[in-house]
N, C-alpha and C. Protein backbone atom coordinates (compact mmCIF):
# COMPACT_ATOMS: atom_id res chain seq x y z
N MET A 1 -18.07 -13.15 -18.83
CA MET A 1 -17.02 -13.69 -17.98
C MET A 1 -15.68 -13.61 -18.72
N ILE A 2 -14.63 -13.24 -18.01
CA ILE A 2 -13.32 -13.10 -18.63
C ILE A 2 -12.63 -14.46 -18.65
N ALA A 3 -12.23 -14.89 -19.82
CA ALA A 3 -11.52 -16.16 -19.91
C ALA A 3 -10.05 -15.95 -19.56
N ILE A 4 -9.51 -16.92 -18.83
CA ILE A 4 -8.10 -16.84 -18.48
C ILE A 4 -7.29 -17.37 -19.65
N GLY A 5 -6.48 -16.51 -20.25
CA GLY A 5 -5.67 -16.91 -21.38
C GLY A 5 -4.23 -17.17 -21.00
N ASN A 6 -3.39 -17.27 -22.00
CA ASN A 6 -1.98 -17.55 -21.78
C ASN A 6 -1.09 -16.38 -22.19
N ASP A 7 -1.69 -15.23 -22.47
CA ASP A 7 -0.90 -14.08 -22.87
C ASP A 7 -0.01 -13.61 -21.73
N ARG A 8 1.16 -13.13 -22.10
CA ARG A 8 2.04 -12.53 -21.10
C ARG A 8 1.45 -11.23 -20.62
N VAL A 9 1.69 -10.92 -19.36
CA VAL A 9 1.34 -9.60 -18.85
C VAL A 9 2.58 -8.72 -18.98
N LEU A 10 2.40 -7.44 -18.71
CA LEU A 10 3.44 -6.46 -19.00
C LEU A 10 4.76 -6.77 -18.29
N THR A 11 4.72 -7.12 -17.02
CA THR A 11 5.96 -7.36 -16.27
C THR A 11 6.68 -8.62 -16.72
N GLU A 12 5.98 -9.49 -17.44
CA GLU A 12 6.62 -10.70 -17.95
C GLU A 12 7.31 -10.46 -19.28
N ALA A 13 7.06 -9.30 -19.88
CA ALA A 13 7.63 -8.99 -21.18
C ALA A 13 9.00 -8.34 -21.08
N VAL A 14 9.39 -7.97 -19.87
CA VAL A 14 10.71 -7.36 -19.66
C VAL A 14 11.44 -8.08 -18.53
N GLY A 15 12.76 -8.13 -18.64
CA GLY A 15 13.55 -8.73 -17.59
C GLY A 15 13.58 -10.25 -17.67
N PRO A 16 14.19 -10.89 -16.67
CA PRO A 16 14.33 -12.35 -16.66
C PRO A 16 12.98 -13.05 -16.65
N THR A 17 12.90 -14.17 -17.32
CA THR A 17 11.64 -14.91 -17.41
C THR A 17 11.70 -16.30 -16.80
N GLU A 18 12.85 -16.68 -16.24
CA GLU A 18 12.93 -17.99 -15.61
C GLU A 18 14.05 -18.02 -14.58
N GLY A 19 14.01 -19.04 -13.72
CA GLY A 19 15.06 -19.25 -12.75
C GLY A 19 15.03 -18.27 -11.58
N SER A 20 16.16 -18.21 -10.89
CA SER A 20 16.25 -17.38 -9.69
C SER A 20 16.16 -15.89 -10.00
N LEU A 21 16.63 -15.48 -11.17
CA LEU A 21 16.53 -14.07 -11.54
C LEU A 21 15.08 -13.64 -11.71
N ARG A 22 14.25 -14.54 -12.23
CA ARG A 22 12.82 -14.25 -12.35
C ARG A 22 12.19 -14.08 -10.97
N LEU A 23 12.54 -14.95 -10.04
CA LEU A 23 12.01 -14.84 -8.68
C LEU A 23 12.47 -13.55 -8.01
N ALA A 24 13.72 -13.18 -8.24
CA ALA A 24 14.23 -11.93 -7.68
C ALA A 24 13.49 -10.74 -8.27
N LYS A 25 13.24 -10.79 -9.59
CA LYS A 25 12.47 -9.71 -10.23
C LYS A 25 11.08 -9.60 -9.63
N GLN A 26 10.44 -10.72 -9.42
CA GLN A 26 9.10 -10.72 -8.85
C GLN A 26 9.10 -10.15 -7.43
N ALA A 27 10.10 -10.51 -6.65
CA ALA A 27 10.20 -9.99 -5.28
C ALA A 27 10.35 -8.48 -5.29
N VAL A 28 11.18 -7.98 -6.19
CA VAL A 28 11.37 -6.53 -6.31
C VAL A 28 10.07 -5.85 -6.74
N LEU A 29 9.36 -6.46 -7.68
CA LEU A 29 8.10 -5.89 -8.14
C LEU A 29 7.06 -5.82 -7.01
N VAL A 30 7.02 -6.86 -6.18
CA VAL A 30 6.07 -6.86 -5.06
C VAL A 30 6.40 -5.72 -4.10
N VAL A 31 7.68 -5.57 -3.76
CA VAL A 31 8.09 -4.51 -2.83
C VAL A 31 7.79 -3.14 -3.44
N LEU A 32 8.11 -2.96 -4.71
CA LEU A 32 7.84 -1.68 -5.38
C LEU A 32 6.33 -1.41 -5.46
N GLY A 33 5.56 -2.47 -5.71
CA GLY A 33 4.11 -2.32 -5.78
C GLY A 33 3.51 -1.89 -4.46
N ILE A 34 3.97 -2.50 -3.37
CA ILE A 34 3.49 -2.13 -2.03
C ILE A 34 3.85 -0.69 -1.74
N ALA A 35 5.07 -0.30 -2.07
CA ALA A 35 5.50 1.09 -1.84
C ALA A 35 4.66 2.06 -2.67
N LEU A 36 4.36 1.69 -3.91
CA LEU A 36 3.54 2.55 -4.77
C LEU A 36 2.14 2.72 -4.20
N LEU A 37 1.55 1.63 -3.72
CA LEU A 37 0.20 1.71 -3.15
C LEU A 37 0.19 2.57 -1.89
N ALA A 38 1.23 2.42 -1.07
CA ALA A 38 1.32 3.25 0.14
C ALA A 38 1.44 4.72 -0.22
N LEU A 39 2.19 5.03 -1.28
CA LEU A 39 2.36 6.41 -1.72
C LEU A 39 1.06 6.97 -2.29
N THR A 40 0.40 6.21 -3.16
CA THR A 40 -0.83 6.71 -3.78
C THR A 40 -1.95 6.88 -2.75
N ALA A 41 -1.92 6.08 -1.68
CA ALA A 41 -2.95 6.20 -0.64
C ALA A 41 -2.86 7.55 0.07
N LYS A 42 -1.68 8.11 0.12
CA LYS A 42 -1.49 9.38 0.84
C LYS A 42 -1.75 10.60 -0.03
N ILE A 43 -1.98 10.37 -1.32
CA ILE A 43 -2.40 11.47 -2.21
C ILE A 43 -3.91 11.44 -2.22
N LYS A 44 -4.53 12.30 -1.41
CA LYS A 44 -5.97 12.19 -1.19
C LYS A 44 -6.64 13.56 -1.14
N ILE A 45 -7.93 13.53 -1.48
CA ILE A 45 -8.76 14.73 -1.44
C ILE A 45 -10.03 14.39 -0.67
N ALA A 46 -10.30 15.07 0.41
CA ALA A 46 -11.50 14.84 1.20
C ALA A 46 -12.70 15.48 0.52
N ILE A 47 -13.82 14.74 0.48
CA ILE A 47 -15.06 15.26 -0.11
C ILE A 47 -16.17 15.06 0.92
N PRO A 48 -16.35 16.02 1.84
CA PRO A 48 -17.41 15.92 2.84
C PRO A 48 -18.78 15.83 2.16
N PRO A 49 -19.76 15.09 2.75
CA PRO A 49 -19.70 14.46 4.07
C PRO A 49 -19.21 13.02 4.05
N SER A 50 -18.68 12.57 2.90
CA SER A 50 -18.23 11.18 2.82
C SER A 50 -17.08 10.92 3.80
N PRO A 51 -17.11 9.77 4.51
CA PRO A 51 -16.01 9.42 5.39
C PRO A 51 -14.83 8.81 4.64
N VAL A 52 -14.97 8.57 3.33
CA VAL A 52 -13.91 7.94 2.53
C VAL A 52 -13.32 8.96 1.58
N PRO A 53 -12.03 9.31 1.67
CA PRO A 53 -11.44 10.30 0.78
C PRO A 53 -11.16 9.74 -0.61
N VAL A 54 -11.07 10.63 -1.59
CA VAL A 54 -10.63 10.25 -2.94
C VAL A 54 -9.11 10.16 -2.92
N THR A 55 -8.59 9.03 -3.36
CA THR A 55 -7.14 8.86 -3.42
C THR A 55 -6.75 8.29 -4.79
N LEU A 56 -5.45 8.16 -5.01
CA LEU A 56 -4.96 7.52 -6.23
C LEU A 56 -4.76 6.02 -6.05
N THR A 57 -5.19 5.50 -4.91
CA THR A 57 -4.96 4.07 -4.64
C THR A 57 -5.67 3.20 -5.66
N THR A 58 -6.90 3.56 -6.04
CA THR A 58 -7.60 2.73 -7.02
C THR A 58 -6.84 2.69 -8.34
N PHE A 59 -6.26 3.83 -8.72
CA PHE A 59 -5.43 3.85 -9.93
C PHE A 59 -4.26 2.89 -9.79
N GLY A 60 -3.60 2.91 -8.61
CA GLY A 60 -2.48 2.00 -8.38
C GLY A 60 -2.91 0.56 -8.38
N ILE A 61 -4.03 0.25 -7.73
CA ILE A 61 -4.52 -1.13 -7.65
C ILE A 61 -4.82 -1.68 -9.03
N LEU A 62 -5.57 -0.93 -9.82
CA LEU A 62 -5.97 -1.39 -11.14
C LEU A 62 -4.78 -1.53 -12.08
N THR A 63 -3.85 -0.57 -12.01
CA THR A 63 -2.68 -0.63 -12.89
C THR A 63 -1.76 -1.78 -12.51
N ILE A 64 -1.55 -1.97 -11.21
CA ILE A 64 -0.71 -3.09 -10.77
C ILE A 64 -1.34 -4.42 -11.15
N GLY A 65 -2.66 -4.54 -10.95
CA GLY A 65 -3.33 -5.77 -11.34
C GLY A 65 -3.12 -6.09 -12.81
N ALA A 66 -3.24 -5.08 -13.67
CA ALA A 66 -3.08 -5.29 -15.10
C ALA A 66 -1.64 -5.57 -15.49
N ALA A 67 -0.70 -4.84 -14.89
CA ALA A 67 0.70 -4.98 -15.27
C ALA A 67 1.34 -6.23 -14.69
N TYR A 68 0.89 -6.64 -13.50
CA TYR A 68 1.51 -7.77 -12.80
C TYR A 68 0.87 -9.12 -13.12
N GLY A 69 -0.40 -9.11 -13.54
CA GLY A 69 -1.10 -10.36 -13.74
C GLY A 69 -1.81 -10.80 -12.47
N PRO A 70 -2.64 -11.85 -12.56
CA PRO A 70 -3.48 -12.23 -11.41
C PRO A 70 -2.69 -12.70 -10.19
N ARG A 71 -1.67 -13.50 -10.39
CA ARG A 71 -0.96 -14.07 -9.24
C ARG A 71 -0.08 -13.04 -8.54
N LEU A 72 0.79 -12.39 -9.30
CA LEU A 72 1.72 -11.42 -8.70
C LEU A 72 0.96 -10.18 -8.21
N GLY A 73 -0.08 -9.79 -8.94
CA GLY A 73 -0.88 -8.66 -8.50
C GLY A 73 -1.59 -8.96 -7.19
N LEU A 74 -2.12 -10.18 -7.07
CA LEU A 74 -2.79 -10.58 -5.84
C LEU A 74 -1.82 -10.61 -4.67
N VAL A 75 -0.64 -11.17 -4.89
CA VAL A 75 0.38 -11.21 -3.84
C VAL A 75 0.75 -9.80 -3.40
N THR A 76 0.87 -8.89 -4.35
CA THR A 76 1.25 -7.51 -4.03
C THR A 76 0.18 -6.82 -3.19
N VAL A 77 -1.07 -6.95 -3.60
CA VAL A 77 -2.16 -6.29 -2.86
C VAL A 77 -2.32 -6.90 -1.47
N ILE A 78 -2.25 -8.21 -1.38
CA ILE A 78 -2.35 -8.86 -0.06
C ILE A 78 -1.16 -8.44 0.81
N GLY A 79 0.02 -8.34 0.20
CA GLY A 79 1.19 -7.87 0.94
C GLY A 79 0.98 -6.46 1.47
N TYR A 80 0.38 -5.61 0.65
CA TYR A 80 0.07 -4.23 1.06
C TYR A 80 -0.89 -4.24 2.26
N LEU A 81 -1.92 -5.07 2.19
CA LEU A 81 -2.88 -5.15 3.29
C LEU A 81 -2.24 -5.71 4.55
N LEU A 82 -1.34 -6.65 4.41
CA LEU A 82 -0.66 -7.22 5.57
C LEU A 82 0.26 -6.18 6.23
N VAL A 83 0.92 -5.37 5.41
CA VAL A 83 1.76 -4.29 5.96
C VAL A 83 0.87 -3.33 6.76
N GLY A 84 -0.29 -3.01 6.20
CA GLY A 84 -1.22 -2.14 6.90
C GLY A 84 -1.76 -2.78 8.16
N ALA A 85 -2.07 -4.07 8.10
CA ALA A 85 -2.59 -4.78 9.27
C ALA A 85 -1.55 -4.83 10.39
N ALA A 86 -0.27 -4.81 10.01
CA ALA A 86 0.80 -4.83 11.00
C ALA A 86 0.95 -3.50 11.73
N GLY A 87 0.20 -2.49 11.29
CA GLY A 87 0.20 -1.21 11.99
C GLY A 87 0.95 -0.10 11.30
N TYR A 88 1.49 -0.36 10.11
CA TYR A 88 2.20 0.69 9.39
C TYR A 88 1.21 1.64 8.72
N ASP A 89 1.59 2.88 8.64
CA ASP A 89 0.72 3.94 8.12
C ASP A 89 0.76 3.95 6.59
N VAL A 90 0.02 3.03 5.97
CA VAL A 90 0.07 2.90 4.51
C VAL A 90 -1.29 3.13 3.85
N PHE A 91 -2.33 3.36 4.66
CA PHE A 91 -3.66 3.57 4.11
C PHE A 91 -3.99 5.06 4.04
N ALA A 92 -5.05 5.37 3.30
CA ALA A 92 -5.41 6.77 3.07
C ALA A 92 -5.65 7.53 4.36
N GLY A 93 -6.38 6.93 5.28
CA GLY A 93 -6.73 7.64 6.50
C GLY A 93 -6.05 7.13 7.75
N SER A 94 -5.09 6.22 7.58
CA SER A 94 -4.40 5.69 8.76
C SER A 94 -3.41 6.74 9.29
N SER A 95 -3.02 6.56 10.54
CA SER A 95 -2.10 7.50 11.18
C SER A 95 -1.41 6.77 12.33
N ALA A 96 -0.56 7.50 13.03
CA ALA A 96 0.10 6.90 14.18
C ALA A 96 -0.91 6.53 15.26
N GLU A 97 -2.02 7.27 15.31
CA GLU A 97 -3.03 7.02 16.33
C GLU A 97 -4.04 5.96 15.91
N LEU A 98 -4.28 5.83 14.62
CA LEU A 98 -5.27 4.87 14.12
C LEU A 98 -4.69 4.12 12.94
N ALA A 99 -4.34 2.88 13.17
CA ALA A 99 -3.71 2.07 12.11
C ALA A 99 -4.03 0.60 12.38
N GLY A 100 -3.49 -0.26 11.55
CA GLY A 100 -3.63 -1.69 11.74
C GLY A 100 -5.06 -2.18 11.58
N ILE A 101 -5.39 -3.25 12.28
CA ILE A 101 -6.70 -3.87 12.16
C ILE A 101 -7.82 -2.92 12.56
N GLU A 102 -7.57 -2.10 13.56
CA GLU A 102 -8.60 -1.15 14.00
C GLU A 102 -9.00 -0.22 12.86
N TYR A 103 -8.02 0.28 12.12
CA TYR A 103 -8.33 1.14 10.98
C TYR A 103 -9.03 0.34 9.88
N MET A 104 -8.56 -0.87 9.61
CA MET A 104 -9.09 -1.67 8.52
C MET A 104 -10.55 -2.06 8.75
N MET A 105 -10.99 -2.08 10.00
CA MET A 105 -12.38 -2.40 10.30
C MET A 105 -13.28 -1.18 10.26
N GLY A 106 -12.71 -0.02 9.93
CA GLY A 106 -13.48 1.22 9.85
C GLY A 106 -14.16 1.39 8.50
N SER A 107 -14.39 2.64 8.11
CA SER A 107 -15.22 2.94 6.94
C SER A 107 -14.62 2.46 5.62
N THR A 108 -13.32 2.32 5.56
CA THR A 108 -12.71 1.90 4.29
C THR A 108 -12.53 0.38 4.18
N GLY A 109 -12.97 -0.36 5.20
CA GLY A 109 -12.74 -1.81 5.21
C GLY A 109 -13.25 -2.53 3.99
N GLY A 110 -14.45 -2.18 3.53
CA GLY A 110 -15.01 -2.85 2.36
C GLY A 110 -14.24 -2.55 1.10
N TYR A 111 -13.70 -1.34 1.01
CA TYR A 111 -12.91 -0.99 -0.17
C TYR A 111 -11.58 -1.76 -0.18
N LEU A 112 -11.05 -2.05 1.00
CA LEU A 112 -9.83 -2.84 1.07
C LEU A 112 -10.07 -4.26 0.55
N VAL A 113 -11.25 -4.81 0.87
CA VAL A 113 -11.64 -6.10 0.28
C VAL A 113 -11.76 -5.97 -1.23
N GLY A 114 -12.34 -4.85 -1.67
CA GLY A 114 -12.49 -4.61 -3.10
C GLY A 114 -11.16 -4.51 -3.82
N TYR A 115 -10.13 -4.03 -3.14
CA TYR A 115 -8.80 -3.97 -3.76
C TYR A 115 -8.36 -5.35 -4.24
N VAL A 116 -8.59 -6.34 -3.43
CA VAL A 116 -8.18 -7.71 -3.77
C VAL A 116 -8.95 -8.19 -4.99
N LEU A 117 -10.27 -8.00 -4.98
CA LEU A 117 -11.10 -8.44 -6.09
C LEU A 117 -10.75 -7.70 -7.38
N ALA A 118 -10.53 -6.40 -7.28
CA ALA A 118 -10.24 -5.59 -8.46
C ALA A 118 -8.89 -5.97 -9.07
N ALA A 119 -7.88 -6.14 -8.23
CA ALA A 119 -6.56 -6.51 -8.74
C ALA A 119 -6.61 -7.88 -9.42
N LEU A 120 -7.34 -8.81 -8.83
CA LEU A 120 -7.47 -10.14 -9.43
C LEU A 120 -8.17 -10.07 -10.77
N ALA A 121 -9.25 -9.29 -10.84
CA ALA A 121 -9.99 -9.16 -12.10
C ALA A 121 -9.13 -8.54 -13.19
N LEU A 122 -8.38 -7.50 -12.85
CA LEU A 122 -7.52 -6.85 -13.85
C LEU A 122 -6.40 -7.79 -14.29
N GLY A 123 -5.88 -8.57 -13.36
CA GLY A 123 -4.85 -9.54 -13.72
C GLY A 123 -5.37 -10.59 -14.67
N ILE A 124 -6.58 -11.09 -14.42
CA ILE A 124 -7.19 -12.09 -15.30
C ILE A 124 -7.45 -11.50 -16.67
N ALA A 125 -7.94 -10.26 -16.69
CA ALA A 125 -8.20 -9.59 -17.97
C ALA A 125 -6.91 -9.40 -18.76
N ALA A 126 -5.83 -9.00 -18.07
CA ALA A 126 -4.54 -8.82 -18.74
C ALA A 126 -4.02 -10.15 -19.27
N ARG A 127 -4.20 -11.21 -18.50
CA ARG A 127 -3.75 -12.53 -18.94
C ARG A 127 -4.51 -12.98 -20.18
N ALA A 128 -5.74 -12.50 -20.32
CA ALA A 128 -6.55 -12.82 -21.50
C ALA A 128 -6.25 -11.90 -22.68
N GLY A 129 -5.33 -10.95 -22.49
CA GLY A 129 -4.93 -10.08 -23.58
C GLY A 129 -5.68 -8.77 -23.67
N TRP A 130 -6.52 -8.46 -22.68
CA TRP A 130 -7.30 -7.23 -22.71
C TRP A 130 -6.42 -6.00 -22.54
N ASP A 131 -5.24 -6.17 -22.00
CA ASP A 131 -4.36 -5.01 -21.73
C ASP A 131 -3.66 -4.50 -22.98
N ARG A 132 -3.88 -5.12 -24.14
CA ARG A 132 -3.26 -4.64 -25.38
C ARG A 132 -4.15 -3.64 -26.09
N SER A 133 -5.42 -3.55 -25.70
CA SER A 133 -6.39 -2.68 -26.35
C SER A 133 -6.91 -1.63 -25.37
N VAL A 134 -6.97 -0.39 -25.81
CA VAL A 134 -7.47 0.69 -24.94
C VAL A 134 -8.93 0.42 -24.56
N LEU A 135 -9.76 0.01 -25.52
CA LEU A 135 -11.18 -0.21 -25.23
C LEU A 135 -11.39 -1.39 -24.29
N LEU A 136 -10.69 -2.50 -24.55
CA LEU A 136 -10.83 -3.65 -23.67
C LEU A 136 -10.26 -3.36 -22.29
N MET A 137 -9.17 -2.58 -22.26
CA MET A 137 -8.58 -2.21 -20.98
C MET A 137 -9.53 -1.32 -20.20
N ALA A 138 -10.21 -0.41 -20.88
CA ALA A 138 -11.19 0.45 -20.21
C ALA A 138 -12.33 -0.39 -19.65
N ALA A 139 -12.77 -1.41 -20.42
CA ALA A 139 -13.83 -2.30 -19.93
C ALA A 139 -13.37 -3.06 -18.69
N ALA A 140 -12.12 -3.54 -18.72
CA ALA A 140 -11.58 -4.25 -17.56
C ALA A 140 -11.49 -3.33 -16.35
N MET A 141 -11.08 -2.08 -16.58
CA MET A 141 -11.01 -1.12 -15.49
C MET A 141 -12.39 -0.85 -14.89
N LEU A 142 -13.41 -0.79 -15.75
CA LEU A 142 -14.77 -0.57 -15.28
C LEU A 142 -15.22 -1.75 -14.41
N ILE A 143 -14.92 -2.97 -14.85
CA ILE A 143 -15.25 -4.14 -14.05
C ILE A 143 -14.53 -4.09 -12.71
N GLY A 144 -13.24 -3.71 -12.74
CA GLY A 144 -12.48 -3.60 -11.51
C GLY A 144 -13.07 -2.58 -10.55
N ASN A 145 -13.53 -1.45 -11.08
CA ASN A 145 -14.16 -0.43 -10.24
C ASN A 145 -15.44 -0.94 -9.60
N VAL A 146 -16.24 -1.67 -10.37
CA VAL A 146 -17.47 -2.24 -9.81
C VAL A 146 -17.14 -3.19 -8.67
N LEU A 147 -16.14 -4.05 -8.89
CA LEU A 147 -15.75 -5.01 -7.85
C LEU A 147 -15.18 -4.32 -6.62
N LEU A 148 -14.65 -3.13 -6.81
CA LEU A 148 -14.13 -2.36 -5.68
C LEU A 148 -15.26 -1.68 -4.91
N TYR A 149 -16.23 -1.14 -5.64
CA TYR A 149 -17.29 -0.38 -4.99
C TYR A 149 -18.31 -1.26 -4.27
N VAL A 150 -18.63 -2.41 -4.84
CA VAL A 150 -19.70 -3.23 -4.24
C VAL A 150 -19.40 -3.59 -2.79
N PRO A 151 -18.25 -4.20 -2.48
CA PRO A 151 -17.98 -4.49 -1.06
C PRO A 151 -17.81 -3.22 -0.23
N GLY A 152 -17.30 -2.15 -0.85
CA GLY A 152 -17.14 -0.89 -0.12
C GLY A 152 -18.47 -0.33 0.34
N LEU A 153 -19.46 -0.34 -0.55
CA LEU A 153 -20.78 0.20 -0.21
C LEU A 153 -21.51 -0.72 0.77
N LEU A 154 -21.39 -2.02 0.55
CA LEU A 154 -22.02 -2.96 1.49
C LEU A 154 -21.45 -2.79 2.89
N TRP A 155 -20.14 -2.59 2.98
CA TRP A 155 -19.48 -2.38 4.27
C TRP A 155 -19.99 -1.11 4.95
N LEU A 156 -20.07 -0.02 4.17
CA LEU A 156 -20.56 1.24 4.73
C LEU A 156 -21.99 1.10 5.24
N GLY A 157 -22.82 0.38 4.47
CA GLY A 157 -24.20 0.19 4.87
C GLY A 157 -24.32 -0.57 6.17
N GLN A 158 -23.51 -1.61 6.31
CA GLN A 158 -23.53 -2.40 7.54
C GLN A 158 -22.96 -1.62 8.72
N LEU A 159 -21.97 -0.80 8.44
CA LEU A 159 -21.27 -0.08 9.51
C LEU A 159 -22.09 1.09 10.04
N TYR A 160 -22.70 1.86 9.12
CA TYR A 160 -23.39 3.08 9.52
C TYR A 160 -24.91 2.96 9.50
N GLY A 161 -25.42 1.91 8.86
CA GLY A 161 -26.87 1.74 8.76
C GLY A 161 -27.37 2.15 7.39
N TRP A 162 -28.34 1.41 6.89
CA TRP A 162 -28.84 1.66 5.55
C TRP A 162 -29.76 2.87 5.47
N ASP A 163 -30.06 3.47 6.63
CA ASP A 163 -30.85 4.71 6.62
C ASP A 163 -29.97 5.92 6.35
N GLN A 164 -28.67 5.71 6.25
CA GLN A 164 -27.73 6.79 5.95
C GLN A 164 -27.55 6.93 4.43
N PRO A 165 -27.08 8.09 3.97
CA PRO A 165 -26.88 8.30 2.50
C PRO A 165 -25.62 7.59 2.01
N ILE A 166 -25.68 6.28 1.96
CA ILE A 166 -24.49 5.47 1.64
C ILE A 166 -23.94 5.79 0.26
N LEU A 167 -24.80 5.90 -0.75
CA LEU A 167 -24.32 6.21 -2.10
C LEU A 167 -23.68 7.58 -2.17
N ALA A 168 -24.24 8.53 -1.44
CA ALA A 168 -23.67 9.89 -1.42
C ALA A 168 -22.33 9.91 -0.70
N TRP A 169 -22.15 9.03 0.24
CA TRP A 169 -20.87 8.94 0.96
C TRP A 169 -19.82 8.16 0.18
N GLY A 170 -20.23 7.02 -0.37
CA GLY A 170 -19.24 6.07 -0.87
C GLY A 170 -19.19 5.83 -2.35
N LEU A 171 -20.02 6.55 -3.14
CA LEU A 171 -20.00 6.31 -4.58
C LEU A 171 -19.99 7.60 -5.39
N THR A 172 -21.07 8.36 -5.30
CA THR A 172 -21.24 9.50 -6.21
C THR A 172 -20.12 10.56 -6.13
N PRO A 173 -19.51 10.81 -4.95
CA PRO A 173 -18.46 11.83 -4.95
C PRO A 173 -17.22 11.43 -5.74
N PHE A 174 -17.09 10.13 -6.03
CA PHE A 174 -15.84 9.63 -6.62
C PHE A 174 -15.96 9.29 -8.10
N LEU A 175 -17.17 9.40 -8.67
CA LEU A 175 -17.38 8.91 -10.03
C LEU A 175 -16.55 9.67 -11.06
N ILE A 176 -16.51 11.00 -10.97
CA ILE A 176 -15.75 11.77 -11.95
C ILE A 176 -14.25 11.49 -11.83
N GLY A 177 -13.74 11.50 -10.59
CA GLY A 177 -12.33 11.21 -10.38
C GLY A 177 -11.96 9.82 -10.83
N ASP A 178 -12.82 8.84 -10.54
CA ASP A 178 -12.52 7.47 -10.94
C ASP A 178 -12.61 7.30 -12.45
N ALA A 179 -13.50 8.04 -13.10
CA ALA A 179 -13.57 7.98 -14.56
C ALA A 179 -12.27 8.50 -15.18
N MET A 180 -11.71 9.55 -14.59
CA MET A 180 -10.44 10.09 -15.07
C MET A 180 -9.30 9.11 -14.83
N LYS A 181 -9.28 8.49 -13.64
CA LYS A 181 -8.24 7.51 -13.33
C LYS A 181 -8.38 6.29 -14.23
N LEU A 182 -9.62 5.88 -14.49
CA LEU A 182 -9.86 4.74 -15.37
C LEU A 182 -9.33 5.01 -16.77
N ALA A 183 -9.63 6.20 -17.30
CA ALA A 183 -9.18 6.55 -18.64
C ALA A 183 -7.65 6.59 -18.71
N LEU A 184 -7.03 7.15 -17.68
CA LEU A 184 -5.57 7.25 -17.67
C LEU A 184 -4.92 5.87 -17.65
N ALA A 185 -5.41 5.00 -16.76
CA ALA A 185 -4.85 3.65 -16.67
C ALA A 185 -5.10 2.85 -17.94
N ALA A 186 -6.27 3.07 -18.57
CA ALA A 186 -6.60 2.35 -19.80
C ALA A 186 -5.69 2.77 -20.95
N LEU A 187 -5.14 3.98 -20.87
CA LEU A 187 -4.20 4.43 -21.90
C LEU A 187 -2.78 3.99 -21.61
N ILE A 188 -2.40 3.96 -20.34
CA ILE A 188 -1.01 3.71 -19.97
C ILE A 188 -0.56 2.30 -20.33
N VAL A 189 -1.33 1.27 -19.91
CA VAL A 189 -0.85 -0.10 -20.10
C VAL A 189 -0.76 -0.48 -21.57
N PRO A 190 -1.80 -0.26 -22.40
CA PRO A 190 -1.63 -0.53 -23.83
C PRO A 190 -0.52 0.32 -24.46
N GLY A 191 -0.35 1.56 -23.96
CA GLY A 191 0.73 2.40 -24.47
C GLY A 191 2.09 1.81 -24.17
N LEU A 192 2.26 1.25 -22.98
CA LEU A 192 3.53 0.60 -22.64
C LEU A 192 3.78 -0.63 -23.51
N TRP A 193 2.70 -1.38 -23.79
CA TRP A 193 2.87 -2.52 -24.70
C TRP A 193 3.34 -2.06 -26.08
N LYS A 194 2.80 -0.95 -26.55
CA LYS A 194 3.22 -0.43 -27.85
C LYS A 194 4.69 -0.02 -27.83
N LEU A 195 5.12 0.61 -26.73
CA LEU A 195 6.52 1.01 -26.62
C LEU A 195 7.43 -0.22 -26.62
N ILE A 196 7.02 -1.27 -25.91
CA ILE A 196 7.84 -2.48 -25.87
C ILE A 196 7.91 -3.11 -27.26
N GLY A 197 6.74 -3.12 -27.96
CA GLY A 197 6.72 -3.67 -29.30
C GLY A 197 7.58 -2.88 -30.25
N ASP A 198 7.52 -1.54 -30.17
CA ASP A 198 8.33 -0.69 -31.05
C ASP A 198 9.81 -0.87 -30.75
N ALA A 199 10.16 -1.04 -29.47
CA ALA A 199 11.57 -1.19 -29.10
C ALA A 199 12.14 -2.49 -29.60
N ARG A 200 11.29 -3.50 -29.74
CA ARG A 200 11.77 -4.82 -30.16
C ARG A 200 11.58 -5.09 -31.64
N SER A 201 10.95 -4.14 -32.35
CA SER A 201 10.71 -4.35 -33.77
C SER A 201 11.91 -3.92 -34.60
């Protein structure tokens, strides 16, 4: 179990740390985070016969969770989901014809739930100081991926039936890509901490 510590997360190490300027910084970060998630969702690769495409959204979710911390990361991901629920085309497979709640109840619905869990887990791990180490960050990313996949696969099973090749649709096609995204994110956040430390030393 990840203990919740008092370490600063990455976004708390730069910019204002108190008062109205801190709140303004947080608001900007939430808006930028939602925009980033919407952008990464549209960078996708279809892998038939899976109904769920490979996108960079998981990379965005995990990185935002680690960089923003549990509270701000959670607000950002929920904000992203609310924008999508309002009918805006911000999800991987959403469009002008299929968006909002109708899209969210489709094949990717469980993964959207997993986004919330994964971002929260990465935020808690970062608050505990795991984001300063590449190995601990990789472990946190792995936990985040598990929390993302479990509701996603359960959702697919309930939606299409457990007699369908659920793992072949919703897990195995994405393992190599997710391993690459995990490794990249595990390098980026500790690397940014090192840059901040070097700049202030």
